[in-house]
Amino acid sequence: MFATLATLAVLVLLPLLALKLLFSLAVGLVFLPFKLLGAVFRVVLGALAVVSKLLFSGLGLVFGVLAAVFVVVLLPLVPLLLFGLLLWGMTRLFRRPALVRA
């Protein structure tokens, strides 16, 4: 009795498994071009990401060096710049106005 039930189960499940395999194969073939296109996009965008990462890393390095130069070289010169600005303002303040001839 058990053998007949097992045989009946195999006879019912075997076509269902074959149908499942056929359906998954058909779906896989339908979506294959999209998977290939996705792989191509992934490779192209990955290459673009590497190039842009290198470019922006270089730009960050350049701006970092410029900021360090600004802090080390130009920032100590700010008091001299302020003194020069004060001196220029004082000379402009006490200058006689120019005569306008008509």
PDB file of N, CA and C in Angstrom:
ATOM      1  N   MET A   1       0.818  -1.190   0.000  1.00  0.00           N
ATOM      2  CA  MET A   1       0.000   0.000   0.000  1.00  0.00           C
ATOM      3  C   MET A   1       0.869   1.263   0.000  1.00  0.00           C
ATOM      4  N   PHE A   2       1.947   1.212   0.788  1.00  0.00           N
ATOM      5  CA  PHE A   2       2.838   2.367   0.830  1.00  0.00           C
ATOM      6  C   PHE A   2       3.533   2.583  -0.505  1.00  0.00           C
ATOM      7  N   ALA A   3       3.854   1.513  -1.184  1.00  0.00           N
ATOM      8  CA  ALA A   3       4.526   1.616  -2.478  1.00  0.00           C
ATOM      9  C   ALA A   3       3.599   2.256  -3.505  1.00  0.00           C
ATOM     10  N   THR A   4       2.335   1.938  -3.458  1.00  0.00           N
ATOM     11  CA  THR A   4       1.408   2.539  -4.416  1.00  0.00           C
ATOM     12  C   THR A   4       1.205   4.030  -4.120  1.00  0.00           C
ATOM     13  N   LEU A   5       1.198   4.391  -2.837  1.00  0.00           N
ATOM     14  CA  LEU A   5       1.086   5.810  -2.495  1.00  0.00           C
ATOM     15  C   LEU A   5       2.330   6.572  -2.930  1.00  0.00           C
ATOM     16  N   ALA A   6       3.506   5.951  -2.749  1.00  0.00           N
ATOM     17  CA  ALA A   6       4.749   6.598  -3.169  1.00  0.00           C
ATOM     18  C   ALA A   6       4.783   6.724  -4.680  1.00  0.00           C
ATOM     19  N   THR A   7       4.338   5.730  -5.372  1.00  0.00           N
ATOM     20  CA  THR A   7       4.302   5.777  -6.828  1.00  0.00           C
ATOM     21  C   THR A   7       3.329   6.855  -7.296  1.00  0.00           C
ATOM     22  N   LEU A   8       2.189   6.924  -6.653  1.00  0.00           N
ATOM     23  CA  LEU A   8       1.206   7.952  -6.992  1.00  0.00           C
ATOM     24  C   LEU A   8       1.763   9.353  -6.718  1.00  0.00           C
ATOM     25  N   ALA A   9       2.476   9.506  -5.594  1.00  0.00           N
ATOM     26  CA  ALA A   9       3.084  10.799  -5.267  1.00  0.00           C
ATOM     27  C   ALA A   9       4.137  11.174  -6.298  1.00  0.00           C
ATOM     28  N   VAL A  10       4.927  10.220  -6.722  1.00  0.00           N
ATOM     29  CA  VAL A  10       5.939  10.481  -7.746  1.00  0.00           C
ATOM     30  C   VAL A  10       5.262  10.850  -9.058  1.00  0.00           C
ATOM     31  N   LEU A  11       4.196  10.158  -9.401  1.00  0.00           N
ATOM     32  CA  LEU A  11       3.489  10.442 -10.646  1.00  0.00           C
ATOM     33  C   LEU A  11       2.828  11.822 -10.621  1.00  0.00           C
ATOM     34  N   VAL A  12       2.471  12.312  -9.447  1.00  0.00           N
ATOM     35  CA  VAL A  12       1.877  13.643  -9.343  1.00  0.00           C
ATOM     36  C   VAL A  12       2.963  14.715  -9.282  1.00  0.00           C
ATOM     37  N   LEU A  13       4.027  14.445  -8.533  1.00  0.00           N
ATOM     38  CA  LEU A  13       5.057  15.454  -8.334  1.00  0.00           C
ATOM     39  C   LEU A  13       6.009  15.584  -9.511  1.00  0.00           C
ATOM     40  N   LEU A  14       6.246  14.521 -10.256  1.00  0.00           N
ATOM     41  CA  LEU A  14       7.196  14.578 -11.368  1.00  0.00           C
ATOM     42  C   LEU A  14       6.765  15.565 -12.451  1.00  0.00           C
ATOM     43  N   PRO A  15       5.533  15.576 -12.893  1.00  0.00           N
ATOM     44  CA  PRO A  15       5.144  16.594 -13.874  1.00  0.00           C
ATOM     45  C   PRO A  15       5.172  18.010 -13.294  1.00  0.00           C
ATOM     46  N   LEU A  16       4.822  18.139 -12.000  1.00  0.00           N
ATOM     47  CA  LEU A  16       4.880  19.458 -11.386  1.00  0.00           C
ATOM     48  C   LEU A  16       6.319  19.974 -11.304  1.00  0.00           C
ATOM     49  N   LEU A  17       7.263  19.110 -10.958  1.00  0.00           N
ATOM     50  CA  LEU A  17       8.669  19.507 -10.921  1.00  0.00           C
ATOM     51  C   LEU A  17       9.186  19.847 -12.315  1.00  0.00           C
ATOM     52  N   ALA A  18       8.764  19.067 -13.309  1.00  0.00           N
ATOM     53  CA  ALA A  18       9.160  19.366 -14.687  1.00  0.00           C
ATOM     54  C   ALA A  18       8.570  20.696 -15.146  1.00  0.00           C
ATOM     55  N   LEU A  19       7.328  20.957 -14.768  1.00  0.00           N
ATOM     56  CA  LEU A  19       6.695  22.232 -15.107  1.00  0.00           C
ATOM     57  C   LEU A  19       7.389  23.397 -14.412  1.00  0.00           C
ATOM     58  N   LYS A  20       7.776  23.190 -13.147  1.00  0.00           N
ATOM     59  CA  LYS A  20       8.502  24.225 -12.422  1.00  0.00           C
ATOM     60  C   LYS A  20       9.850  24.485 -13.073  1.00  0.00           C
ATOM     61  N   LEU A  21      10.558  23.439 -13.470  1.00  0.00           N
ATOM     62  CA  LEU A  21      11.844  23.596 -14.134  1.00  0.00           C
ATOM     63  C   LEU A  21      11.686  24.311 -15.466  1.00  0.00           C
ATOM     64  N   LEU A  22      10.675  23.952 -16.228  1.00  0.00           N
ATOM     65  CA  LEU A  22      10.427  24.589 -17.522  1.00  0.00           C
ATOM     66  C   LEU A  22      10.048  26.059 -17.336  1.00  0.00           C
ATOM     67  N   PHE A  23       9.220  26.352 -16.340  1.00  0.00           N
ATOM     68  CA  PHE A  23       8.812  27.735 -16.079  1.00  0.00           C
ATOM     69  C   PHE A  23      10.007  28.591 -15.627  1.00  0.00           C
ATOM     70  N   SER A  24      10.833  28.054 -14.724  1.00  0.00           N
ATOM     71  CA  SER A  24      11.993  28.818 -14.263  1.00  0.00           C
ATOM     72  C   SER A  24      13.008  29.005 -15.387  1.00  0.00           C
ATOM     73  N   LEU A  25      13.151  28.048 -16.266  1.00  0.00           N
ATOM     74  CA  LEU A  25      14.027  28.183 -17.421  1.00  0.00           C
ATOM     75  C   LEU A  25      13.502  29.254 -18.380  1.00  0.00           C
ATOM     76  N   ALA A  26      12.193  29.273 -18.599  1.00  0.00           N
ATOM     77  CA  ALA A  26      11.609  30.280 -19.488  1.00  0.00           C
ATOM     78  C   ALA A  26      11.750  31.679 -18.898  1.00  0.00           C
ATOM     79  N   VAL A  27      11.493  31.811 -17.613  1.00  0.00           N
ATOM     80  CA  VAL A  27      11.633  33.113 -16.958  1.00  0.00           C
ATOM     81  C   VAL A  27      13.094  33.552 -16.978  1.00  0.00           C
ATOM     82  N   GLY A  28      14.000  32.617 -16.739  1.00  0.00           N
ATOM     83  CA  GLY A  28      15.425  32.934 -16.784  1.00  0.00           C
ATOM     84  C   GLY A  28      15.862  33.403 -18.157  1.00  0.00           C
ATOM     85  N   LEU A  29      15.341  32.783 -19.203  1.00  0.00           N
ATOM     86  CA  LEU A  29      15.679  33.204 -20.563  1.00  0.00           C
ATOM     87  C   LEU A  29      15.059  34.548 -20.914  1.00  0.00           C
ATOM     88  N   VAL A  30      13.898  34.844 -20.360  1.00  0.00           N
ATOM     89  CA  VAL A  30      13.274  36.139 -20.627  1.00  0.00           C
ATOM     90  C   VAL A  30      14.072  37.253 -19.963  1.00  0.00           C
ATOM     91  N   PHE A  31      14.535  37.004 -18.741  1.00  0.00           N
ATOM     92  CA  PHE A  31      15.252  38.039 -18.007  1.00  0.00           C
ATOM     93  C   PHE A  31      16.752  38.052 -18.263  1.00  0.00           C
ATOM     94  N   LEU A  32      17.270  37.154 -19.068  1.00  0.00           N
ATOM     95  CA  LEU A  32      18.704  37.091 -19.339  1.00  0.00           C
ATOM     96  C   LEU A  32      19.253  38.371 -19.971  1.00  0.00           C
ATOM     97  N   PRO A  33      18.586  38.962 -20.973  1.00  0.00           N
ATOM     98  CA  PRO A  33      19.144  40.215 -21.529  1.00  0.00           C
ATOM     99  C   PRO A  33      19.219  41.333 -20.495  1.00  0.00           C
ATOM    100  N   PHE A  34      18.234  41.392 -19.603  1.00  0.00           N
ATOM    101  CA  PHE A  34      18.256  42.431 -18.583  1.00  0.00           C
ATOM    102  C   PHE A  34      19.385  42.190 -17.580  1.00  0.00           C
ATOM    103  N   LYS A  35      19.664  40.937 -17.272  1.00  0.00           N
ATOM    104  CA  LYS A  35      20.770  40.624 -16.379  1.00  0.00           C
ATOM    105  C   LYS A  35      22.101  40.983 -17.037  1.00  0.00           C
ATOM    106  N   LEU A  36      22.223  40.692 -18.335  1.00  0.00           N
ATOM    107  CA  LEU A  36      23.450  41.046 -19.047  1.00  0.00           C
ATOM    108  C   LEU A  36      23.622  42.562 -19.126  1.00  0.00           C
ATOM    109  N   LEU A  37      22.529  43.259 -19.401  1.00  0.00           N
ATOM    110  CA  LEU A  37      22.578  44.715 -19.457  1.00  0.00           C
ATOM    111  C   LEU A  37      22.932  45.294 -18.087  1.00  0.00           C
ATOM    112  N   GLY A  38      22.395  44.715 -17.039  1.00  0.00           N
ATOM    113  CA  GLY A  38      22.737  45.155 -15.687  1.00  0.00           C
ATOM    114  C   GLY A  38      24.203  44.926 -15.376  1.00  0.00           C
ATOM    115  N   ALA A  39      24.760  43.811 -15.844  1.00  0.00           N
ATOM    116  CA  ALA A  39      26.183  43.542 -15.626  1.00  0.00           C
ATOM    117  C   ALA A  39      27.045  44.557 -16.367  1.00  0.00           C
ATOM    118  N   VAL A  40      26.641  44.896 -17.602  1.00  0.00           N
ATOM    119  CA  VAL A  40      27.392  45.887 -18.375  1.00  0.00           C
ATOM    120  C   VAL A  40      27.328  47.244 -17.680  1.00  0.00           C
ATOM    121  N   PHE A  41      26.136  47.647 -17.234  1.00  0.00           N
ATOM    122  CA  PHE A  41      26.002  48.919 -16.518  1.00  0.00           C
ATOM    123  C   PHE A  41      26.828  48.919 -15.239  1.00  0.00           C
ATOM    124  N   ARG A  42      26.849  47.800 -14.536  1.00  0.00           N
ATOM    125  CA  ARG A  42      27.608  47.714 -13.294  1.00  0.00           C
ATOM    126  C   ARG A  42      29.099  47.890 -13.564  1.00  0.00           C
ATOM    127  N   VAL A  43      29.599  47.293 -14.641  1.00  0.00           N
ATOM    128  CA  VAL A  43      31.019  47.423 -14.973  1.00  0.00           C
ATOM    129  C   VAL A  43      31.339  48.856 -15.384  1.00  0.00           C
ATOM    130  N   VAL A  44      30.497  49.441 -16.247  1.00  0.00           N
ATOM    131  CA  VAL A  44      30.755  50.810 -16.720  1.00  0.00           C
ATOM    132  C   VAL A  44      30.673  51.801 -15.570  1.00  0.00           C
ATOM    133  N   LEU A  45      29.646  51.684 -14.745  1.00  0.00           N
ATOM    134  CA  LEU A  45      29.505  52.609 -13.624  1.00  0.00           C
ATOM    135  C   LEU A  45      30.590  52.390 -12.573  1.00  0.00           C
ATOM    136  N   GLY A  46      31.046  51.167 -12.421  1.00  0.00           N
ATOM    137  CA  GLY A  46      32.167  50.907 -11.513  1.00  0.00           C
ATOM    138  C   GLY A  46      33.439  51.579 -11.996  1.00  0.00           C
ATOM    139  N   ALA A  47      33.698  51.511 -13.319  1.00  0.00           N
ATOM    140  CA  ALA A  47      34.873  52.185 -13.873  1.00  0.00           C
ATOM    141  C   ALA A  47      34.758  53.697 -13.712  1.00  0.00           C
ATOM    142  N   LEU A  48      33.556  54.244 -13.950  1.00  0.00           N
ATOM    143  CA  LEU A  48      33.346  55.677 -13.743  1.00  0.00           C
ATOM    144  C   LEU A  48      33.540  56.060 -12.279  1.00  0.00           C
ATOM    145  N   ALA A  49      33.106  55.211 -11.392  1.00  0.00           N
ATOM    146  CA  ALA A  49      33.264  55.492  -9.966  1.00  0.00           C
ATOM    147  C   ALA A  49      34.738  55.514  -9.574  1.00  0.00           C
ATOM    148  N   VAL A  50      35.521  54.599 -10.129  1.00  0.00           N
ATOM    149  CA  VAL A  50      36.949  54.575  -9.820  1.00  0.00           C
ATOM    150  C   VAL A  50      37.625  55.835 -10.344  1.00  0.00           C
ATOM    151  N   VAL A  51      37.294  56.233 -11.572  1.00  0.00           N
ATOM    152  CA  VAL A  51      37.901  57.429 -12.164  1.00  0.00           C
ATOM    153  C   VAL A  51      37.516  58.673 -11.363  1.00  0.00           C
ATOM    154  N   SER A  52      36.236  58.805 -11.029  1.00  0.00           N
ATOM    155  CA  SER A  52      35.812  59.992 -10.277  1.00  0.00           C
ATOM    156  C   SER A  52      36.391  59.978  -8.864  1.00  0.00           C
ATOM    157  N   LYS A  53      36.542  58.805  -8.274  1.00  0.00           N
ATOM    158  CA  LYS A  53      37.141  58.729  -6.947  1.00  0.00           C
ATOM    159  C   LYS A  53      38.593  59.202  -6.996  1.00  0.00           C
ATOM    160  N   LEU A  54      39.332  58.792  -8.000  1.00  0.00           N
ATOM    161  CA  LEU A  54      40.712  59.251  -8.138  1.00  0.00           C
ATOM    162  C   LEU A  54      40.773  60.753  -8.393  1.00  0.00           C
ATOM    163  N   LEU A  55      39.885  61.251  -9.256  1.00  0.00           N
ATOM    164  CA  LEU A  55      39.869  62.675  -9.569  1.00  0.00           C
ATOM    165  C   LEU A  55      39.564  63.515  -8.332  1.00  0.00           C
ATOM    166  N   PHE A  56      38.518  63.150  -7.608  1.00  0.00           N
ATOM    167  CA  PHE A  56      38.142  63.942  -6.440  1.00  0.00           C
ATOM    168  C   PHE A  56      39.118  63.756  -5.289  1.00  0.00           C
ATOM    169  N   SER A  57      39.787  62.622  -5.216  1.00  0.00           N
ATOM    170  CA  SER A  57      40.838  62.463  -4.210  1.00  0.00           C
ATOM    171  C   SER A  57      41.988  63.402  -4.513  1.00  0.00           C
ATOM    172  N   GLY A  58      42.345  63.515  -5.787  1.00  0.00           N
ATOM    173  CA  GLY A  58      43.400  64.452  -6.179  1.00  0.00           C
ATOM    174  C   GLY A  58      43.014  65.889  -5.894  1.00  0.00           C
ATOM    175  N   LEU A  59      41.755  66.234  -6.203  1.00  0.00           N
ATOM    176  CA  LEU A  59      41.298  67.597  -5.903  1.00  0.00           C
ATOM    177  C   LEU A  59      41.306  67.873  -4.401  1.00  0.00           C
ATOM    178  N   GLY A  60      40.901  66.910  -3.625  1.00  0.00           N
ATOM    179  CA  GLY A  60      40.934  67.072  -2.171  1.00  0.00           C
ATOM    180  C   GLY A  60      42.351  67.244  -1.658  1.00  0.00           C
ATOM    181  N   LEU A  61      43.281  66.511  -2.241  1.00  0.00           N
ATOM    182  CA  LEU A  61      44.675  66.647  -1.841  1.00  0.00           C
ATOM    183  C   LEU A  61      45.209  68.029  -2.191  1.00  0.00           C
ATOM    184  N   VAL A  62      44.879  68.523  -3.387  1.00  0.00           N
ATOM    185  CA  VAL A  62      45.332  69.848  -3.800  1.00  0.00           C
ATOM    186  C   VAL A  62      44.750  70.924  -2.887  1.00  0.00           C
ATOM    187  N   PHE A  63      43.456  70.871  -2.620  1.00  0.00           N
ATOM    188  CA  PHE A  63      42.849  71.869  -1.752  1.00  0.00           C
ATOM    189  C   PHE A  63      43.343  71.755  -0.312  1.00  0.00           C
ATOM    190  N   GLY A  64      43.650  70.562   0.118  1.00  0.00           N
ATOM    191  CA  GLY A  64      44.233  70.395   1.453  1.00  0.00           C
ATOM    192  C   GLY A  64      45.604  71.034   1.555  1.00  0.00           C
ATOM    193  N   VAL A  65      46.424  70.861   0.526  1.00  0.00           N
ATOM    194  CA  VAL A  65      47.749  71.492   0.517  1.00  0.00           C
ATOM    195  C   VAL A  65      47.599  73.012   0.462  1.00  0.00           C
ATOM    196  N   LEU A  66      46.654  73.512  -0.353  1.00  0.00           N
ATOM    197  CA  LEU A  66      46.427  74.959  -0.410  1.00  0.00           C
ATOM    198  C   LEU A  66      45.964  75.508   0.940  1.00  0.00           C
ATOM    199  N   ALA A  67      45.111  74.787   1.631  1.00  0.00           N
ATOM    200  CA  ALA A  67      44.656  75.231   2.947  1.00  0.00           C
ATOM    201  C   ALA A  67      45.811  75.241   3.940  1.00  0.00           C
ATOM    202  N   ALA A  68      46.678  74.233   3.874  1.00  0.00           N
ATOM    203  CA  ALA A  68      47.831  74.202   4.772  1.00  0.00           C
ATOM    204  C   ALA A  68      48.772  75.364   4.481  1.00  0.00           C
ATOM    205  N   VAL A  69      48.986  75.662   3.193  1.00  0.00           N
ATOM    206  CA  VAL A  69      49.833  76.799   2.828  1.00  0.00           C
ATOM    207  C   VAL A  69      49.213  78.099   3.331  1.00  0.00           C
ATOM    208  N   PHE A  70      47.908  78.226   3.202  1.00  0.00           N
ATOM    209  CA  PHE A  70      47.219  79.424   3.688  1.00  0.00           C
ATOM    210  C   PHE A  70      47.412  79.584   5.187  1.00  0.00           C
ATOM    211  N   VAL A  71      47.240  78.520   5.914  1.00  0.00           N
ATOM    212  CA  VAL A  71      47.350  78.603   7.378  1.00  0.00           C
ATOM    213  C   VAL A  71      48.786  78.882   7.791  1.00  0.00           C
ATOM    214  N   VAL A  72      49.745  78.239   7.160  1.00  0.00           N
ATOM    215  CA  VAL A  72      51.134  78.361   7.585  1.00  0.00           C
ATOM    216  C   VAL A  72      51.764  79.660   7.106  1.00  0.00           C
ATOM    217  N   VAL A  73      51.458  80.098   5.872  1.00  0.00           N
ATOM    218  CA  VAL A  73      52.146  81.247   5.293  1.00  0.00           C
ATOM    219  C   VAL A  73      51.340  82.529   5.421  1.00  0.00           C
ATOM    220  N   LEU A  74      50.088  82.515   5.018  1.00  0.00           N
ATOM    221  CA  LEU A  74      49.329  83.750   4.924  1.00  0.00           C
ATOM    222  C   LEU A  74      48.691  84.188   6.236  1.00  0.00           C
ATOM    223  N   LEU A  75      48.329  83.260   7.074  1.00  0.00           N
ATOM    224  CA  LEU A  75      47.669  83.638   8.323  1.00  0.00           C
ATOM    225  C   LEU A  75      48.565  84.453   9.252  1.00  0.00           C
ATOM    226  N   PRO A  76      49.849  84.163   9.369  1.00  0.00           N
ATOM    227  CA  PRO A  76      50.696  85.032  10.200  1.00  0.00           C
ATOM    228  C   PRO A  76      50.868  86.445   9.625  1.00  0.00           C
ATOM    229  N   LEU A  77      50.573  86.642   8.351  1.00  0.00           N
ATOM    230  CA  LEU A  77      50.707  87.966   7.751  1.00  0.00           C
ATOM    231  C   LEU A  77      49.470  88.836   7.962  1.00  0.00           C
ATOM    232  N   VAL A  78      48.436  88.322   8.582  1.00  0.00           N
ATOM    233  CA  VAL A  78      47.204  89.084   8.802  1.00  0.00           C
ATOM    234  C   VAL A  78      47.430  90.327   9.665  1.00  0.00           C
ATOM    235  N   PRO A  79      48.224  90.288  10.739  1.00  0.00           N
ATOM    236  CA  PRO A  79      48.448  91.533  11.494  1.00  0.00           C
ATOM    237  C   PRO A  79      49.120  92.620  10.655  1.00  0.00           C
ATOM    238  N   LEU A  80      50.069  92.234   9.801  1.00  0.00           N
ATOM    239  CA  LEU A  80      50.699  93.221   8.922  1.00  0.00           C
ATOM    240  C   LEU A  80      49.698  93.788   7.933  1.00  0.00           C
ATOM    241  N   LEU A  81      48.818  92.952   7.427  1.00  0.00           N
ATOM    242  CA  LEU A  81      47.784  93.408   6.510  1.00  0.00           C
ATOM    243  C   LEU A  81      46.831  94.382   7.199  1.00  0.00           C
ATOM    244  N   LEU A  82      46.442  94.074   8.420  1.00  0.00           N
ATOM    245  CA  LEU A  82      45.573  94.981   9.170  1.00  0.00           C
ATOM    246  C   LEU A  82      46.270  96.310   9.472  1.00  0.00           C
ATOM    247  N   PHE A  83      47.553  96.264   9.789  1.00  0.00           N
ATOM    248  CA  PHE A  83      48.300  97.487  10.033  1.00  0.00           C
ATOM    249  C   PHE A  83      48.391  98.321   8.759  1.00  0.00           C
ATOM    250  N   GLY A  84      48.638  97.690   7.631  1.00  0.00           N
ATOM    251  CA  GLY A  84      48.683  98.396   6.357  1.00  0.00           C
ATOM    252  C   GLY A  84      47.333  98.994   6.006  1.00  0.00           C
ATOM    253  N   LEU A  85      46.256  98.261   6.281  1.00  0.00           N
ATOM    254  CA  LEU A  85      44.910  98.769   6.022  1.00  0.00           C
ATOM    255  C   LEU A  85      44.602  99.977   6.908  1.00  0.00           C
ATOM    256  N   LEU A  86      45.028  99.916   8.149  1.00  0.00           N
ATOM    257  CA  LEU A  86      44.839 101.052   9.062  1.00  0.00           C
ATOM    258  C   LEU A  86      45.628 102.272   8.591  1.00  0.00           C
ATOM    259  N   LEU A  87      46.862 102.063   8.148  1.00  0.00           N
ATOM    260  CA  LEU A  87      47.689 103.156   7.650  1.00  0.00           C
ATOM    261  C   LEU A  87      47.087 103.763   6.388  1.00  0.00           C
ATOM    262  N   TRP A  88      46.604 102.923   5.488  1.00  0.00           N
ATOM    263  CA  TRP A  88      45.977 103.411   4.259  1.00  0.00           C
ATOM    264  C   TRP A  88      44.711 104.211   4.585  1.00  0.00           C
ATOM    265  N   GLY A  89      43.938 103.750   5.534  1.00  0.00           N
ATOM    266  CA  GLY A  89      42.728 104.454   5.939  1.00  0.00           C
ATOM    267  C   GLY A  89      43.030 105.802   6.563  1.00  0.00           C
ATOM    268  N   MET A  90      44.087 105.842   7.341  1.00  0.00           N
ATOM    269  CA  MET A  90      44.469 107.121   7.954  1.00  0.00           C
ATOM    270  C   MET A  90      44.935 108.120   6.895  1.00  0.00           C
ATOM    271  N   THR A  91      45.689 107.664   5.904  1.00  0.00           N
ATOM    272  CA  THR A  91      46.137 108.583   4.851  1.00  0.00           C
ATOM    273  C   THR A  91      44.960 109.039   4.002  1.00  0.00           C
ATOM    274  N   ARG A  92      43.994 108.200   3.763  1.00  0.00           N
ATOM    275  CA  ARG A  92      42.812 108.596   2.993  1.00  0.00           C
ATOM    276  C   ARG A  92      41.943 109.564   3.786  1.00  0.00           C
ATOM    277  N   LEU A  93      41.934 109.409   5.087  1.00  0.00           N
ATOM    278  CA  LEU A  93      41.096 110.247   5.936  1.00  0.00           C
ATOM    279  C   LEU A  93      41.602 111.691   5.976  1.00  0.00           C
ATOM    280  N   PHE A  94      42.912 111.851   6.027  1.00  0.00           N
ATOM    281  CA  PHE A  94      43.476 113.187   6.165  1.00  0.00           C
ATOM    282  C   PHE A  94      43.938 113.790   4.838  1.00  0.00           C
ATOM    283  N   ARG A  95      43.573 113.208   3.739  1.00  0.00           N
ATOM    284  CA  ARG A  95      43.933 113.764   2.439  1.00  0.00           C
ATOM    285  C   ARG A  95      43.000 114.921   2.113  1.00  0.00           C
ATOM    286  N   ARG A  96      43.544 115.959   1.487  1.00  0.00           N
ATOM    287  CA  ARG A  96      42.712 117.077   1.066  1.00  0.00           C
ATOM    288  C   ARG A  96      41.950 116.661  -0.186  1.00  0.00           C
ATOM    289  N   PRO A  97      40.692 117.092  -0.294  1.00  0.00           N
ATOM    290  CA  PRO A  97      39.943 116.733  -1.506  1.00  0.00           C
ATOM    291  C   PRO A  97      40.531 117.431  -2.732  1.00  0.00           C
ATOM    292  N   ALA A  98      40.458 116.759  -3.845  1.00  0.00           N
ATOM    293  CA  ALA A  98      40.992 117.303  -5.101  1.00  0.00           C
ATOM    294  C   ALA A  98      40.073 118.399  -5.601  1.00  0.00           C
ATOM    295  N   LEU A  99      40.681 119.401  -6.216  1.00  0.00           N
ATOM    296  CA  LEU A  99      39.892 120.507  -6.778  1.00  0.00           C
ATOM    297  C   LEU A  99      39.280 120.055  -8.090  1.00  0.00           C
ATOM    298  N   VAL A 100      38.021 120.372  -8.264  1.00  0.00           N
ATOM    299  CA  VAL A 100      37.345 120.037  -9.506  1.00  0.00           C
ATOM    300  C   VAL A 100      37.266 121.287 -10.352  1.00  0.00           C
ATOM    301  N   ARG A 101      37.828 121.242 -11.544  1.00  0.00           N
ATOM    302  CA  ARG A 101      37.796 122.391 -12.432  1.00  0.00           C
ATOM    303  C   ARG A 101      36.750 122.173 -13.498  1.00  0.00           C
ATOM    304  N   ALA A 102      35.972 123.174 -13.730  1.00  0.00           N
ATOM    305  CA  ALA A 102      34.908 123.058 -14.715  1.00  0.00           C
ATOM    306  C   ALA A 102      35.270 123.698 -16.035  1.00  0.00           C
TER     307      ALA A 102
END
